[in-house]
């Protein structure tokens, strides 16, 4: 049981590291708070919540993997290396794909509900 608890503490230590050192991770956390607030305010359905939560998880996971890959790349290749740059670019590309997916998912779910809030001119 101690090992399990210790493994969770390492995981939270990693999340804390990403939060304190990575501006993009913090931006994604703010976007998470906005998406959750909109979801509650607009009373989205259970199915829509599943898509929102999946989108949030994908982006945060991608960002954590990107941070891990960039940190490891800096460790093994402290000086400039073209291939190390490619590794970093590809991992950043994965984050962009996840973020675009999340953004489009948010638009599909939230825009129709937000439009209903706009008073229509008669």
PDB file of N, CA and C in Angstrom:
ATOM      1  N   UNK A   1       0.825  -1.202   0.000  1.00  0.00           N
ATOM      2  CA  UNK A   1       0.000   0.000   0.000  1.00  0.00           C
ATOM      3  C   UNK A   1       0.865   1.260   0.000  1.00  0.00           C
ATOM      4  N   UNK A   2       2.002   1.205   0.713  1.00  0.00           N
ATOM      5  CA  UNK A   2       2.893   2.375   0.741  1.00  0.00           C
ATOM      6  C   UNK A   2       3.412   2.700  -0.655  1.00  0.00           C
ATOM      7  N   UNK A   3       3.708   1.648  -1.435  1.00  0.00           N
ATOM      8  CA  UNK A   3       4.220   1.859  -2.788  1.00  0.00           C
ATOM      9  C   UNK A   3       3.182   2.550  -3.671  1.00  0.00           C
ATOM     10  N   UNK A   4       1.921   2.136  -3.516  1.00  0.00           N
ATOM     11  CA  UNK A   4       0.840   2.741  -4.295  1.00  0.00           C
ATOM     12  C   UNK A   4       0.693   4.225  -3.949  1.00  0.00           C
ATOM     13  N   UNK A   5       0.701   4.525  -2.673  1.00  0.00           N
ATOM     14  CA  UNK A   5       0.587   5.916  -2.231  1.00  0.00           C
ATOM     15  C   UNK A   5       1.777   6.724  -2.726  1.00  0.00           C
ATOM     16  N   UNK A   6       2.970   6.139  -2.657  1.00  0.00           N
ATOM     17  CA  UNK A   6       4.170   6.821  -3.133  1.00  0.00           C
ATOM     18  C   UNK A   6       4.079   7.099  -4.633  1.00  0.00           C
ATOM     19  N   UNK A   7       3.538   6.128  -5.396  1.00  0.00           N
ATOM     20  CA  UNK A   7       3.430   6.333  -6.842  1.00  0.00           C
ATOM     21  C   UNK A   7       2.484   7.479  -7.163  1.00  0.00           C
ATOM     22  N   UNK A   8       1.406   7.614  -6.395  1.00  0.00           N
ATOM     23  CA  UNK A   8       0.508   8.749  -6.594  1.00  0.00           C
ATOM     24  C   UNK A   8       1.203  10.061  -6.240  1.00  0.00           C
ATOM     25  N   UNK A   9       2.025  10.047  -5.214  1.00  0.00           N
ATOM     26  CA  UNK A   9       2.727  11.281  -4.843  1.00  0.00           C
ATOM     27  C   UNK A   9       3.687  11.696  -5.948  1.00  0.00           C
ATOM     28  N   UNK A  10       4.326  10.723  -6.607  1.00  0.00           N
ATOM     29  CA  UNK A  10       5.199  11.046  -7.740  1.00  0.00           C
ATOM     30  C   UNK A  10       4.390  11.631  -8.896  1.00  0.00           C
ATOM     31  N   UNK A  11       3.214  11.062  -9.133  1.00  0.00           N
ATOM     32  CA  UNK A  11       2.367  11.561 -10.218  1.00  0.00           C
ATOM     33  C   UNK A  11       1.949  13.007  -9.957  1.00  0.00           C
ATOM     34  N   UNK A  12       1.528  13.286  -8.735  1.00  0.00           N
ATOM     35  CA  UNK A  12       1.133  14.660  -8.410  1.00  0.00           C
ATOM     36  C   UNK A  12       2.325  15.610  -8.425  1.00  0.00           C
ATOM     37  N   UNK A  13       3.500  15.086  -8.092  1.00  0.00           N
ATOM     38  CA  UNK A  13       4.721  15.891  -8.183  1.00  0.00           C
ATOM     39  C   UNK A  13       4.983  16.276  -9.644  1.00  0.00           C
ATOM     40  N   UNK A  14       4.736  15.342 -10.562  1.00  0.00           N
ATOM     41  CA  UNK A  14       4.896  15.631 -11.987  1.00  0.00           C
ATOM     42  C   UNK A  14       3.908  16.658 -12.484  1.00  0.00           C
ATOM     43  N   UNK A  15       2.662  16.556 -12.029  1.00  0.00           N
ATOM     44  CA  UNK A  15       1.649  17.543 -12.415  1.00  0.00           C
ATOM     45  C   UNK A  15       2.013  18.912 -11.857  1.00  0.00           C
ATOM     46  N   UNK A  16       2.503  18.940 -10.627  1.00  0.00           N
ATOM     47  CA  UNK A  16       2.927  20.206 -10.029  1.00  0.00           C
ATOM     48  C   UNK A  16       4.091  20.802 -10.822  1.00  0.00           C
ATOM     49  N   UNK A  17       5.048  19.957 -11.230  1.00  0.00           N
ATOM     50  CA  UNK A  17       6.181  20.437 -12.026  1.00  0.00           C
ATOM     51  C   UNK A  17       5.687  21.070 -13.322  1.00  0.00           C
ATOM     52  N   UNK A  18       4.778  20.385 -14.008  1.00  0.00           N
ATOM     53  CA  UNK A  18       4.258  20.919 -15.268  1.00  0.00           C
ATOM     54  C   UNK A  18       3.507  22.230 -15.031  1.00  0.00           C
ATOM     55  N   UNK A  19       2.746  22.283 -13.953  1.00  0.00           N
ATOM     56  CA  UNK A  19       1.975  23.493 -13.653  1.00  0.00           C
ATOM     57  C   UNK A  19       2.879  24.681 -13.346  1.00  0.00           C
ATOM     58  N   UNK A  20       3.955  24.439 -12.608  1.00  0.00           N
ATOM     59  CA  UNK A  20       4.816  25.550 -12.196  1.00  0.00           C
ATOM     60  C   UNK A  20       5.825  25.959 -13.264  1.00  0.00           C
ATOM     61  N   UNK A  21       6.129  25.070 -14.205  1.00  0.00           N
ATOM     62  CA  UNK A  21       7.184  25.382 -15.172  1.00  0.00           C
ATOM     63  C   UNK A  21       6.694  25.594 -16.603  1.00  0.00           C
ATOM     64  N   UNK A  22       5.483  25.174 -16.905  1.00  0.00           N
ATOM     65  CA  UNK A  22       5.021  25.214 -18.289  1.00  0.00           C
ATOM     66  C   UNK A  22       3.842  26.168 -18.442  1.00  0.00           C
ATOM     67  N   UNK A  23       4.085  27.282 -19.110  1.00  0.00           N
ATOM     68  CA  UNK A  23       3.023  28.278 -19.312  1.00  0.00           C
ATOM     69  C   UNK A  23       1.855  27.691 -20.092  1.00  0.00           C
ATOM     70  N   UNK A  24       2.143  26.872 -21.100  1.00  0.00           N
ATOM     71  CA  UNK A  24       1.064  26.300 -21.901  1.00  0.00           C
ATOM     72  C   UNK A  24       0.185  25.369 -21.076  1.00  0.00           C
ATOM     73  N   UNK A  25       0.777  24.651 -20.128  1.00  0.00           N
ATOM     74  CA  UNK A  25      -0.019  23.785 -19.253  1.00  0.00           C
ATOM     75  C   UNK A  25      -0.973  24.633 -18.415  1.00  0.00           C
ATOM     76  N   UNK A  26      -0.482  25.753 -17.920  1.00  0.00           N
ATOM     77  CA  UNK A  26      -1.340  26.653 -17.141  1.00  0.00           C
ATOM     78  C   UNK A  26      -2.460  27.231 -18.011  1.00  0.00           C
ATOM     79  N   UNK A  27      -2.155  27.546 -19.253  1.00  0.00           N
ATOM     80  CA  UNK A  27      -3.183  28.046 -20.177  1.00  0.00           C
ATOM     81  C   UNK A  27      -4.259  26.979 -20.373  1.00  0.00           C
ATOM     82  N   UNK A  28      -3.835  25.730 -20.537  1.00  0.00           N
ATOM     83  CA  UNK A  28      -4.798  24.644 -20.706  1.00  0.00           C
ATOM     84  C   UNK A  28      -5.627  24.431 -19.442  1.00  0.00           C
ATOM     85  N   UNK A  29      -5.038  24.658 -18.283  1.00  0.00           N
ATOM     86  CA  UNK A  29      -5.804  24.550 -17.039  1.00  0.00           C
ATOM     87  C   UNK A  29      -6.867  25.644 -16.957  1.00  0.00           C
ATOM     88  N   UNK A  30      -6.527  26.849 -17.398  1.00  0.00           N
ATOM     89  CA  UNK A  30      -7.512  27.940 -17.432  1.00  0.00           C
ATOM     90  C   UNK A  30      -8.637  27.592 -18.417  1.00  0.00           C
ATOM     91  N   UNK A  31      -8.271  27.054 -19.576  1.00  0.00           N
ATOM     92  CA  UNK A  31      -9.284  26.639 -20.551  1.00  0.00           C
ATOM     93  C   UNK A  31     -10.172  25.539 -19.960  1.00  0.00           C
ATOM     94  N   UNK A  32      -9.579  24.661 -19.160  1.00  0.00           N
ATOM     95  CA  UNK A  32     -10.347  23.612 -18.486  1.00  0.00           C
ATOM     96  C   UNK A  32     -11.384  24.221 -17.560  1.00  0.00           C
ATOM     97  N   UNK A  33     -10.986  25.198 -16.774  1.00  0.00           N
ATOM     98  CA  UNK A  33     -11.901  25.852 -15.840  1.00  0.00           C
ATOM     99  C   UNK A  33     -13.032  26.543 -16.605  1.00  0.00           C
ATOM    100  N   UNK A  34     -12.700  27.193 -17.705  1.00  0.00           N
ATOM    101  CA  UNK A  34     -13.713  27.863 -18.524  1.00  0.00           C
ATOM    102  C   UNK A  34     -14.695  26.846 -19.097  1.00  0.00           C
ATOM    103  N   UNK A  35     -14.181  25.737 -19.631  1.00  0.00           N
ATOM    104  CA  UNK A  35     -15.053  24.709 -20.211  1.00  0.00           C
ATOM    105  C   UNK A  35     -15.959  24.099 -19.153  1.00  0.00           C
ATOM    106  N   UNK A  36     -15.408  23.829 -17.965  1.00  0.00           N
ATOM    107  CA  UNK A  36     -16.230  23.270 -16.888  1.00  0.00           C
ATOM    108  C   UNK A  36     -17.303  24.260 -16.448  1.00  0.00           C
ATOM    109  N   UNK A  37     -16.932  25.518 -16.321  1.00  0.00           N
ATOM    110  CA  UNK A  37     -17.899  26.551 -15.917  1.00  0.00           C
ATOM    111  C   UNK A  37     -19.012  26.686 -16.954  1.00  0.00           C
ATOM    112  N   UNK A  38     -18.641  26.708 -18.242  1.00  0.00           N
ATOM    113  CA  UNK A  38     -19.652  26.782 -19.301  1.00  0.00           C
ATOM    114  C   UNK A  38     -20.563  25.567 -19.273  1.00  0.00           C
ATOM    115  N   UNK A  39     -19.969  24.398 -19.056  1.00  0.00           N
ATOM    116  CA  UNK A  39     -20.769  23.180 -19.003  1.00  0.00           C
ATOM    117  C   UNK A  39     -21.816  23.236 -17.915  1.00  0.00           C
ATOM    118  N   UNK A  40     -21.408  23.688 -16.718  1.00  0.00           N
ATOM    119  CA  UNK A  40     -22.361  23.807 -15.616  1.00  0.00           C
ATOM    120  C   UNK A  40     -23.394  24.897 -15.895  1.00  0.00           C
ATOM    121  N   UNK A  41     -22.934  26.041 -16.384  1.00  0.00           N
ATOM    122  CA  UNK A  41     -23.836  27.164 -16.626  1.00  0.00           C
ATOM    123  C   UNK A  41     -24.852  26.860 -17.721  1.00  0.00           C
ATOM    124  N   UNK A  42     -24.443  26.116 -18.729  1.00  0.00           N
ATOM    125  CA  UNK A  42     -25.324  25.844 -19.870  1.00  0.00           C
ATOM    126  C   UNK A  42     -26.059  24.505 -19.756  1.00  0.00           C
ATOM    127  N   UNK A  43     -25.853  23.812 -18.643  1.00  0.00           N
ATOM    128  CA  UNK A  43     -26.556  22.549 -18.376  1.00  0.00           C
ATOM    129  C   UNK A  43     -26.425  21.558 -19.531  1.00  0.00           C
ATOM    130  N   UNK A  44     -25.194  21.256 -19.903  1.00  0.00           N
ATOM    131  CA  UNK A  44     -24.977  20.323 -21.003  1.00  0.00           C
ATOM    132  C   UNK A  44     -25.362  18.905 -20.569  1.00  0.00           C
ATOM    133  N   UNK A  45     -25.619  18.062 -21.548  1.00  0.00           N
ATOM    134  CA  UNK A  45     -26.073  16.693 -21.286  1.00  0.00           C
ATOM    135  C   UNK A  45     -24.913  15.807 -20.817  1.00  0.00           C
ATOM    136  N   UNK A  46     -25.252  14.626 -20.343  1.00  0.00           N
ATOM    137  CA  UNK A  46     -24.225  13.670 -19.907  1.00  0.00           C
ATOM    138  C   UNK A  46     -23.301  13.318 -21.070  1.00  0.00           C
ATOM    139  N   UNK A  47     -23.860  13.092 -22.232  1.00  0.00           N
ATOM    140  CA  UNK A  47     -23.039  12.762 -23.403  1.00  0.00           C
ATOM    141  C   UNK A  47     -22.096  13.910 -23.752  1.00  0.00           C
ATOM    142  N   UNK A  48     -22.590  15.126 -23.650  1.00  0.00           N
ATOM    143  CA  UNK A  48     -21.738  16.293 -23.929  1.00  0.00           C
ATOM    144  C   UNK A  48     -20.640  16.415 -22.872  1.00  0.00           C
ATOM    145  N   UNK A  49     -20.991  16.117 -21.602  1.00  0.00           N
ATOM    146  CA  UNK A  49     -19.966  16.125 -20.547  1.00  0.00           C
ATOM    147  C   UNK A  49     -18.880  15.113 -20.866  1.00  0.00           C
ATOM    148  N   UNK A  50     -19.252  13.971 -21.384  1.00  0.00           N
ATOM    149  CA  UNK A  50     -18.246  12.954 -21.716  1.00  0.00           C
ATOM    150  C   UNK A  50     -17.270  13.482 -22.772  1.00  0.00           C
ATOM    151  N   UNK A  51     -17.788  14.173 -23.769  1.00  0.00           N
ATOM    152  CA  UNK A  51     -16.915  14.737 -24.801  1.00  0.00           C
ATOM    153  C   UNK A  51     -16.016  15.835 -24.238  1.00  0.00           C
ATOM    154  N   UNK A  52     -16.578  16.678 -23.378  1.00  0.00           N
ATOM    155  CA  UNK A  52     -15.787  17.758 -22.774  1.00  0.00           C
ATOM    156  C   UNK A  52     -14.681  17.175 -21.903  1.00  0.00           C
ATOM    157  N   UNK A  53     -15.027  16.201 -21.070  1.00  0.00           N
ATOM    158  CA  UNK A  53     -14.031  15.591 -20.184  1.00  0.00           C
ATOM    159  C   UNK A  53     -12.965  14.854 -20.990  1.00  0.00           C
ATOM    160  N   UNK A  54     -13.385  14.154 -22.052  1.00  0.00           N
ATOM    161  CA  UNK A  54     -12.406  13.493 -22.928  1.00  0.00           C
ATOM    162  C   UNK A  54     -11.465  14.521 -23.544  1.00  0.00           C
ATOM    163  N   UNK A  55     -12.010  15.617 -24.016  1.00  0.00           N
ATOM    164  CA  UNK A  55     -11.188  16.668 -24.633  1.00  0.00           C
ATOM    165  C   UNK A  55     -10.189  17.248 -23.639  1.00  0.00           C
ATOM    166  N   UNK A  56     -10.663  17.532 -22.431  1.00  0.00           N
ATOM    167  CA  UNK A  56      -9.784  18.073 -21.389  1.00  0.00           C
ATOM    168  C   UNK A  56      -8.665  17.088 -21.084  1.00  0.00           C
ATOM    169  N   UNK A  57      -9.027  15.831 -20.899  1.00  0.00           N
ATOM    170  CA  UNK A  57      -8.029  14.812 -20.574  1.00  0.00           C
ATOM    171  C   UNK A  57      -7.002  14.672 -21.693  1.00  0.00           C
ATOM    172  N   UNK A  58      -7.452  14.636 -22.941  1.00  0.00           N
ATOM    173  CA  UNK A  58      -6.518  14.497 -24.064  1.00  0.00           C
ATOM    174  C   UNK A  58      -5.505  15.642 -24.108  1.00  0.00           C
ATOM    175  N   UNK A  59      -5.993  16.848 -23.928  1.00  0.00           N
ATOM    176  CA  UNK A  59      -5.097  18.009 -23.994  1.00  0.00           C
ATOM    177  C   UNK A  59      -4.096  17.989 -22.837  1.00  0.00           C
ATOM    178  N   UNK A  60      -4.580  17.748 -21.628  1.00  0.00           N
ATOM    179  CA  UNK A  60      -3.671  17.745 -20.476  1.00  0.00           C
ATOM    180  C   UNK A  60      -2.669  16.597 -20.551  1.00  0.00           C
ATOM    181  N   UNK A  61      -3.116  15.430 -20.984  1.00  0.00           N
ATOM    182  CA  UNK A  61      -2.204  14.289 -21.151  1.00  0.00           C
ATOM    183  C   UNK A  61      -1.162  14.603 -22.218  1.00  0.00           C
ATOM    184  N   UNK A  62      -1.612  15.147 -23.340  1.00  0.00           N
ATOM    185  CA  UNK A  62      -0.666  15.500 -24.411  1.00  0.00           C
ATOM    186  C   UNK A  62       0.357  16.515 -23.921  1.00  0.00           C
ATOM    187  N   UNK A  63      -0.102  17.498 -23.161  1.00  0.00           N
ATOM    188  CA  UNK A  63       0.805  18.522 -22.636  1.00  0.00           C
ATOM    189  C   UNK A  63       1.800  17.920 -21.648  1.00  0.00           C
ATOM    190  N   UNK A  64       1.352  16.984 -20.809  1.00  0.00           N
ATOM    191  CA  UNK A  64       2.262  16.324 -19.871  1.00  0.00           C
ATOM    192  C   UNK A  64       3.305  15.488 -20.611  1.00  0.00           C
ATOM    193  N   UNK A  65       2.862  14.733 -21.622  1.00  0.00           N
ATOM    194  CA  UNK A  65       3.826  13.965 -22.420  1.00  0.00           C
ATOM    195  C   UNK A  65       4.800  14.896 -23.136  1.00  0.00           C
ATOM    196  N   UNK A  66       4.301  16.005 -23.649  1.00  0.00           N
ATOM    197  CA  UNK A  66       5.167  16.972 -24.315  1.00  0.00           C
ATOM    198  C   UNK A  66       6.226  17.508 -23.352  1.00  0.00           C
ATOM    199  N   UNK A  67       5.810  17.827 -22.148  1.00  0.00           N
ATOM    200  CA  UNK A  67       6.758  18.308 -21.132  1.00  0.00           C
ATOM    201  C   UNK A  67       7.802  17.244 -20.827  1.00  0.00           C
ATOM    202  N   UNK A  68       7.357  16.008 -20.673  1.00  0.00           N
ATOM    203  CA  UNK A  68       8.292  14.909 -20.382  1.00  0.00           C
ATOM    204  C   UNK A  68       9.284  14.714 -21.527  1.00  0.00           C
ATOM    205  N   UNK A  69       8.773  14.737 -22.746  1.00  0.00           N
ATOM    206  CA  UNK A  69       9.642  14.537 -23.912  1.00  0.00           C
ATOM    207  C   UNK A  69      10.634  15.685 -24.055  1.00  0.00           C
ATOM    208  N   UNK A  70      10.172  16.916 -23.864  1.00  0.00           N
ATOM    209  CA  UNK A  70      11.074  18.066 -23.969  1.00  0.00           C
ATOM    210  C   UNK A  70      12.143  18.035 -22.880  1.00  0.00           C
ATOM    211  N   UNK A  71      11.747  17.672 -21.663  1.00  0.00           N
ATOM    212  CA  UNK A  71      12.709  17.600 -20.562  1.00  0.00           C
ATOM    213  C   UNK A  71      13.756  16.523 -20.820  1.00  0.00           C
ATOM    214  N   UNK A  72      13.302  15.369 -21.263  1.00  0.00           N
ATOM    215  CA  UNK A  72      14.233  14.278 -21.558  1.00  0.00           C
ATOM    216  C   UNK A  72      15.148  14.638 -22.728  1.00  0.00           C
ATOM    217  N   UNK A  73      14.582  15.281 -23.736  1.00  0.00           N
ATOM    218  CA  UNK A  73      15.390  15.695 -24.892  1.00  0.00           C
ATOM    219  C   UNK A  73      16.465  16.685 -24.469  1.00  0.00           C
ATOM    220  N   UNK A  74      16.123  17.627 -23.601  1.00  0.00           N
ATOM    221  CA  UNK A  74      17.108  18.587 -23.102  1.00  0.00           C
ATOM    222  C   UNK A  74      18.199  17.884 -22.295  1.00  0.00           C
ATOM    223  N   UNK A  75      17.831  16.828 -21.594  1.00  0.00           N
ATOM    224  CA  UNK A  75      18.797  16.085 -20.793  1.00  0.00           C
ATOM    225  C   UNK A  75      19.797  15.341 -21.671  1.00  0.00           C
ATOM    226  N   UNK A  76      19.308  14.661 -22.688  1.00  0.00           N
ATOM    227  CA  UNK A  76      20.199  13.836 -23.512  1.00  0.00           C
ATOM    228  C   UNK A  76      20.878  14.625 -24.622  1.00  0.00           C
ATOM    229  N   UNK A  77      20.344  15.799 -24.942  1.00  0.00           N
ATOM    230  CA  UNK A  77      20.934  16.618 -25.995  1.00  0.00           C
ATOM    231  C   UNK A  77      20.944  18.078 -25.552  1.00  0.00           C
ATOM    232  N   UNK A  78      21.845  18.434 -24.623  1.00  0.00           N
ATOM    233  CA  UNK A  78      21.847  19.800 -24.088  1.00  0.00           C
ATOM    234  C   UNK A  78      22.238  20.869 -25.119  1.00  0.00           C
ATOM    235  N   UNK A  79      22.993  20.485 -26.131  1.00  0.00           N
ATOM    236  CA  UNK A  79      23.323  21.438 -27.188  1.00  0.00           C
ATOM    237  C   UNK A  79      22.368  21.223 -28.351  1.00  0.00           C
ATOM    238  N   UNK A  80      22.344  22.191 -29.257  1.00  0.00           N
ATOM    239  CA  UNK A  80      21.411  22.100 -30.379  1.00  0.00           C
ATOM    240  C   UNK A  80      21.689  20.865 -31.223  1.00  0.00           C
ATOM    241  N   UNK A  81      20.604  20.174 -31.559  1.00  0.00           N
ATOM    242  CA  UNK A  81      20.681  19.000 -32.414  1.00  0.00           C
ATOM    243  C   UNK A  81      19.416  18.991 -33.260  1.00  0.00           C
ATOM    244  N   UNK A  82      19.571  18.849 -34.569  1.00  0.00           N
ATOM    245  CA  UNK A  82      18.430  18.897 -35.482  1.00  0.00           C
ATOM    246  C   UNK A  82      17.395  17.827 -35.121  1.00  0.00           C
ATOM    247  N   UNK A  83      17.856  16.621 -34.869  1.00  0.00           N
ATOM    248  CA  UNK A  83      16.916  15.541 -34.551  1.00  0.00           C
ATOM    249  C   UNK A  83      16.221  15.780 -33.210  1.00  0.00           C
ATOM    250  N   UNK A  84      16.922  16.327 -32.247  1.00  0.00           N
ATOM    251  CA  UNK A  84      16.296  16.664 -30.965  1.00  0.00           C
ATOM    252  C   UNK A  84      15.214  17.716 -31.189  1.00  0.00           C
ATOM    253  N   UNK A  85      15.479  18.649 -32.080  1.00  0.00           N
ATOM    254  CA  UNK A  85      14.475  19.651 -32.428  1.00  0.00           C
ATOM    255  C   UNK A  85      13.245  19.029 -33.059  1.00  0.00           C
ATOM    256  N   UNK A  86      13.462  18.032 -33.920  1.00  0.00           N
ATOM    257  CA  UNK A  86      12.333  17.335 -34.534  1.00  0.00           C
ATOM    258  C   UNK A  86      11.485  16.623 -33.475  1.00  0.00           C
ATOM    259  N   UNK A  87      12.158  15.992 -32.507  1.00  0.00           N
ATOM    260  CA  UNK A  87      11.441  15.301 -31.434  1.00  0.00           C
ATOM    261  C   UNK A  87      10.550  16.290 -30.681  1.00  0.00           C
ATOM    262  N   UNK A  88      11.098  17.430 -30.337  1.00  0.00           N
ATOM    263  CA  UNK A  88      10.324  18.443 -29.618  1.00  0.00           C
ATOM    264  C   UNK A  88       9.170  18.974 -30.473  1.00  0.00           C
ATOM    265  N   UNK A  89       9.430  19.198 -31.751  1.00  0.00           N
ATOM    266  CA  UNK A  89       8.395  19.708 -32.650  1.00  0.00           C
ATOM    267  C   UNK A  89       7.246  18.712 -32.799  1.00  0.00           C
ATOM    268  N   UNK A  90       7.582  17.436 -32.927  1.00  0.00           N
ATOM    269  CA  UNK A  90       6.545  16.417 -33.086  1.00  0.00           C
ATOM    270  C   UNK A  90       5.690  16.316 -31.825  1.00  0.00           C
ATOM    271  N   UNK A  91       6.326  16.349 -30.656  1.00  0.00           N
ATOM    272  CA  UNK A  91       5.542  16.265 -29.422  1.00  0.00           C
ATOM    273  C   UNK A  91       4.673  17.515 -29.241  1.00  0.00           C
ATOM    274  N   UNK A  92       5.169  18.652 -29.638  1.00  0.00           N
ATOM    275  CA  UNK A  92       4.354  19.874 -29.586  1.00  0.00           C
ATOM    276  C   UNK A  92       3.198  19.784 -30.584  1.00  0.00           C
ATOM    277  N   UNK A  93       3.450  19.161 -31.728  1.00  0.00           N
ATOM    278  CA  UNK A  93       2.393  18.963 -32.718  1.00  0.00           C
ATOM    279  C   UNK A  93       1.254  18.116 -32.172  1.00  0.00           C
ATOM    280  N   UNK A  94       1.595  17.116 -31.361  1.00  0.00           N
ATOM    281  CA  UNK A  94       0.556  16.282 -30.745  1.00  0.00           C
ATOM    282  C   UNK A  94      -0.339  17.121 -29.839  1.00  0.00           C
ATOM    283  N   UNK A  95       0.252  18.059 -29.122  1.00  0.00           N
ATOM    284  CA  UNK A  95      -0.532  18.939 -28.253  1.00  0.00           C
ATOM    285  C   UNK A  95      -1.461  19.811 -29.097  1.00  0.00           C
ATOM    286  N   UNK A  96      -0.959  20.316 -30.192  1.00  0.00           N
ATOM    287  CA  UNK A  96      -1.779  21.165 -31.059  1.00  0.00           C
ATOM    288  C   UNK A  96      -2.975  20.378 -31.594  1.00  0.00           C
ATOM    289  N   UNK A  97      -2.750  19.148 -32.026  1.00  0.00           N
ATOM    290  CA  UNK A  97      -3.852  18.329 -32.539  1.00  0.00           C
ATOM    291  C   UNK A  97      -4.896  18.099 -31.444  1.00  0.00           C
ATOM    292  N   UNK A  98      -4.457  17.772 -30.247  1.00  0.00           N
ATOM    293  CA  UNK A  98      -5.389  17.559 -29.133  1.00  0.00           C
ATOM    294  C   UNK A  98      -6.147  18.847 -28.811  1.00  0.00           C
ATOM    295  N   UNK A  99      -5.442  19.970 -28.812  1.00  0.00           N
ATOM    296  CA  UNK A  99      -6.074  21.251 -28.491  1.00  0.00           C
ATOM    297  C   UNK A  99      -7.091  21.659 -29.559  1.00  0.00           C
ATOM    298  N   UNK A 100      -6.782  21.425 -30.816  1.00  0.00           N
ATOM    299  CA  UNK A 100      -7.735  21.738 -31.896  1.00  0.00           C
ATOM    300  C   UNK A 100      -8.976  20.854 -31.759  1.00  0.00           C
ATOM    301  N   UNK A 101      -8.769  19.569 -31.467  1.00  0.00           N
ATOM    302  CA  UNK A 101      -9.895  18.658 -31.238  1.00  0.00           C
ATOM    303  C   UNK A 101     -10.771  19.181 -30.101  1.00  0.00           C
ATOM    304  N   UNK A 102     -10.143  19.581 -29.009  1.00  0.00           N
ATOM    305  CA  UNK A 102     -10.892  20.086 -27.855  1.00  0.00           C
ATOM    306  C   UNK A 102     -11.632  21.377 -28.205  1.00  0.00           C
ATOM    307  N   UNK A 103     -10.982  22.252 -28.925  1.00  0.00           N
ATOM    308  CA  UNK A 103     -11.594  23.521 -29.306  1.00  0.00           C
ATOM    309  C   UNK A 103     -12.820  23.294 -30.187  1.00  0.00           C
ATOM    310  N   UNK A 104     -12.681  22.437 -31.193  1.00  0.00           N
ATOM    311  CA  UNK A 104     -13.805  22.144 -32.091  1.00  0.00           C
ATOM    312  C   UNK A 104     -14.938  21.467 -31.322  1.00  0.00           C
ATOM    313  N   UNK A 105     -14.588  20.551 -30.437  1.00  0.00           N
ATOM    314  CA  UNK A 105     -15.602  19.895 -29.603  1.00  0.00           C
ATOM    315  C   UNK A 105     -16.340  20.926 -28.771  1.00  0.00           C
ATOM    316  N   UNK A 106     -15.613  21.856 -28.167  1.00  0.00           N
ATOM    317  CA  UNK A 106     -16.237  22.922 -27.389  1.00  0.00           C
ATOM    318  C   UNK A 106     -17.158  23.785 -28.238  1.00  0.00           C
ATOM    319  N   UNK A 107     -16.709  24.122 -29.435  1.00  0.00           N
ATOM    320  CA  UNK A 107     -17.558  24.925 -30.320  1.00  0.00           C
ATOM    321  C   UNK A 107     -18.856  24.196 -30.643  1.00  0.00           C
ATOM    322  N   UNK A 108     -18.750  22.917 -30.981  1.00  0.00           N
ATOM    323  CA  UNK A 108     -19.933  22.130 -31.342  1.00  0.00           C
ATOM    324  C   UNK A 108     -20.922  22.066 -30.180  1.00  0.00           C
ATOM    325  N   UNK A 109     -20.410  21.942 -28.981  1.00  0.00           N
ATOM    326  CA  UNK A 109     -21.286  21.810 -27.817  1.00  0.00           C
ATOM    327  C   UNK A 109     -21.801  23.155 -27.315  1.00  0.00           C
ATOM    328  N   UNK A 110     -20.931  24.147 -27.239  1.00  0.00           N
ATOM    329  CA  UNK A 110     -21.311  25.397 -26.574  1.00  0.00           C
ATOM    330  C   UNK A 110     -21.951  26.437 -27.488  1.00  0.00           C
ATOM    331  N   UNK A 111     -21.535  26.541 -28.735  1.00  0.00           N
ATOM    332  CA  UNK A 111     -22.049  27.604 -29.616  1.00  0.00           C
ATOM    333  C   UNK A 111     -23.577  27.554 -29.766  1.00  0.00           C
ATOM    334  N   UNK A 112     -24.171  26.394 -30.045  1.00  0.00           N
ATOM    335  CA  UNK A 112     -25.639  26.391 -30.172  1.00  0.00           C
ATOM    336  C   UNK A 112     -26.348  26.860 -28.893  1.00  0.00           C
ATOM    337  N   UNK A 113     -25.830  26.490 -27.737  1.00  0.00           N
ATOM    338  CA  UNK A 113     -26.447  26.910 -26.476  1.00  0.00           C
ATOM    339  C   UNK A 113     -26.231  28.411 -26.237  1.00  0.00           C
ATOM    340  N   UNK A 114     -25.067  28.918 -26.602  1.00  0.00           N
ATOM    341  CA  UNK A 114     -24.806  30.349 -26.437  1.00  0.00           C
ATOM    342  C   UNK A 114     -25.674  31.184 -27.383  1.00  0.00           C
ATOM    343  N   UNK A 115     -25.893  30.676 -28.582  1.00  0.00           N
ATOM    344  CA  UNK A 115     -26.738  31.384 -29.545  1.00  0.00           C
ATOM    345  C   UNK A 115     -28.163  31.518 -29.020  1.00  0.00           C
ATOM    346  N   UNK A 116     -28.643  30.470 -28.334  1.00  0.00           N
ATOM    347  CA  UNK A 116     -29.993  30.522 -27.759  1.00  0.00           C
ATOM    348  C   UNK A 116     -30.142  31.594 -26.690  1.00  0.00           C
ATOM    349  N   UNK A 117     -29.031  32.010 -26.082  1.00  0.00           N
ATOM    350  CA  UNK A 117     -29.068  33.039 -25.045  1.00  0.00           C
ATOM    351  C   UNK A 117     -29.178  34.449 -25.621  1.00  0.00           C
ATOM    352  N   UNK A 118     -28.871  34.601 -26.911  1.00  0.00           N
ATOM    353  CA  UNK A 118     -28.899  35.923 -27.549  1.00  0.00           C
ATOM    354  C   UNK A 118     -30.345  36.262 -27.896  1.00  0.00           C
ATOM    355  N   UNK A 119     -30.821  37.414 -27.394  1.00  0.00           N
ATOM    356  CA  UNK A 119     -32.201  37.804 -27.738  1.00  0.00           C
ATOM    357  C   UNK A 119     -32.306  38.093 -29.239  1.00  0.00           C
ATOM    358  N   UNK A 120     -33.333  37.524 -29.859  1.00  0.00           N
ATOM    359  CA  UNK A 120     -33.515  37.709 -31.297  1.00  0.00           C
ATOM    360  C   UNK A 120     -34.372  38.956 -31.557  1.00  0.00           C
ATOM    361  N   UNK A 121     -33.986  39.688 -32.567  1.00  0.00           N
ATOM    362  CA  UNK A 121     -34.742  40.874 -32.954  1.00  0.00           C
ATOM    363  C   UNK A 121     -36.009  40.418 -33.688  1.00  0.00           C
ATOM    364  N   UNK A 122     -37.097  41.042 -33.371  1.00  0.00           N
ATOM    365  CA  UNK A 122     -38.373  40.646 -33.982  1.00  0.00           C
ATOM    366  C   UNK A 122     -38.579  41.284 -35.315  1.00  0.00           C
TER     367      UNK A 122
END
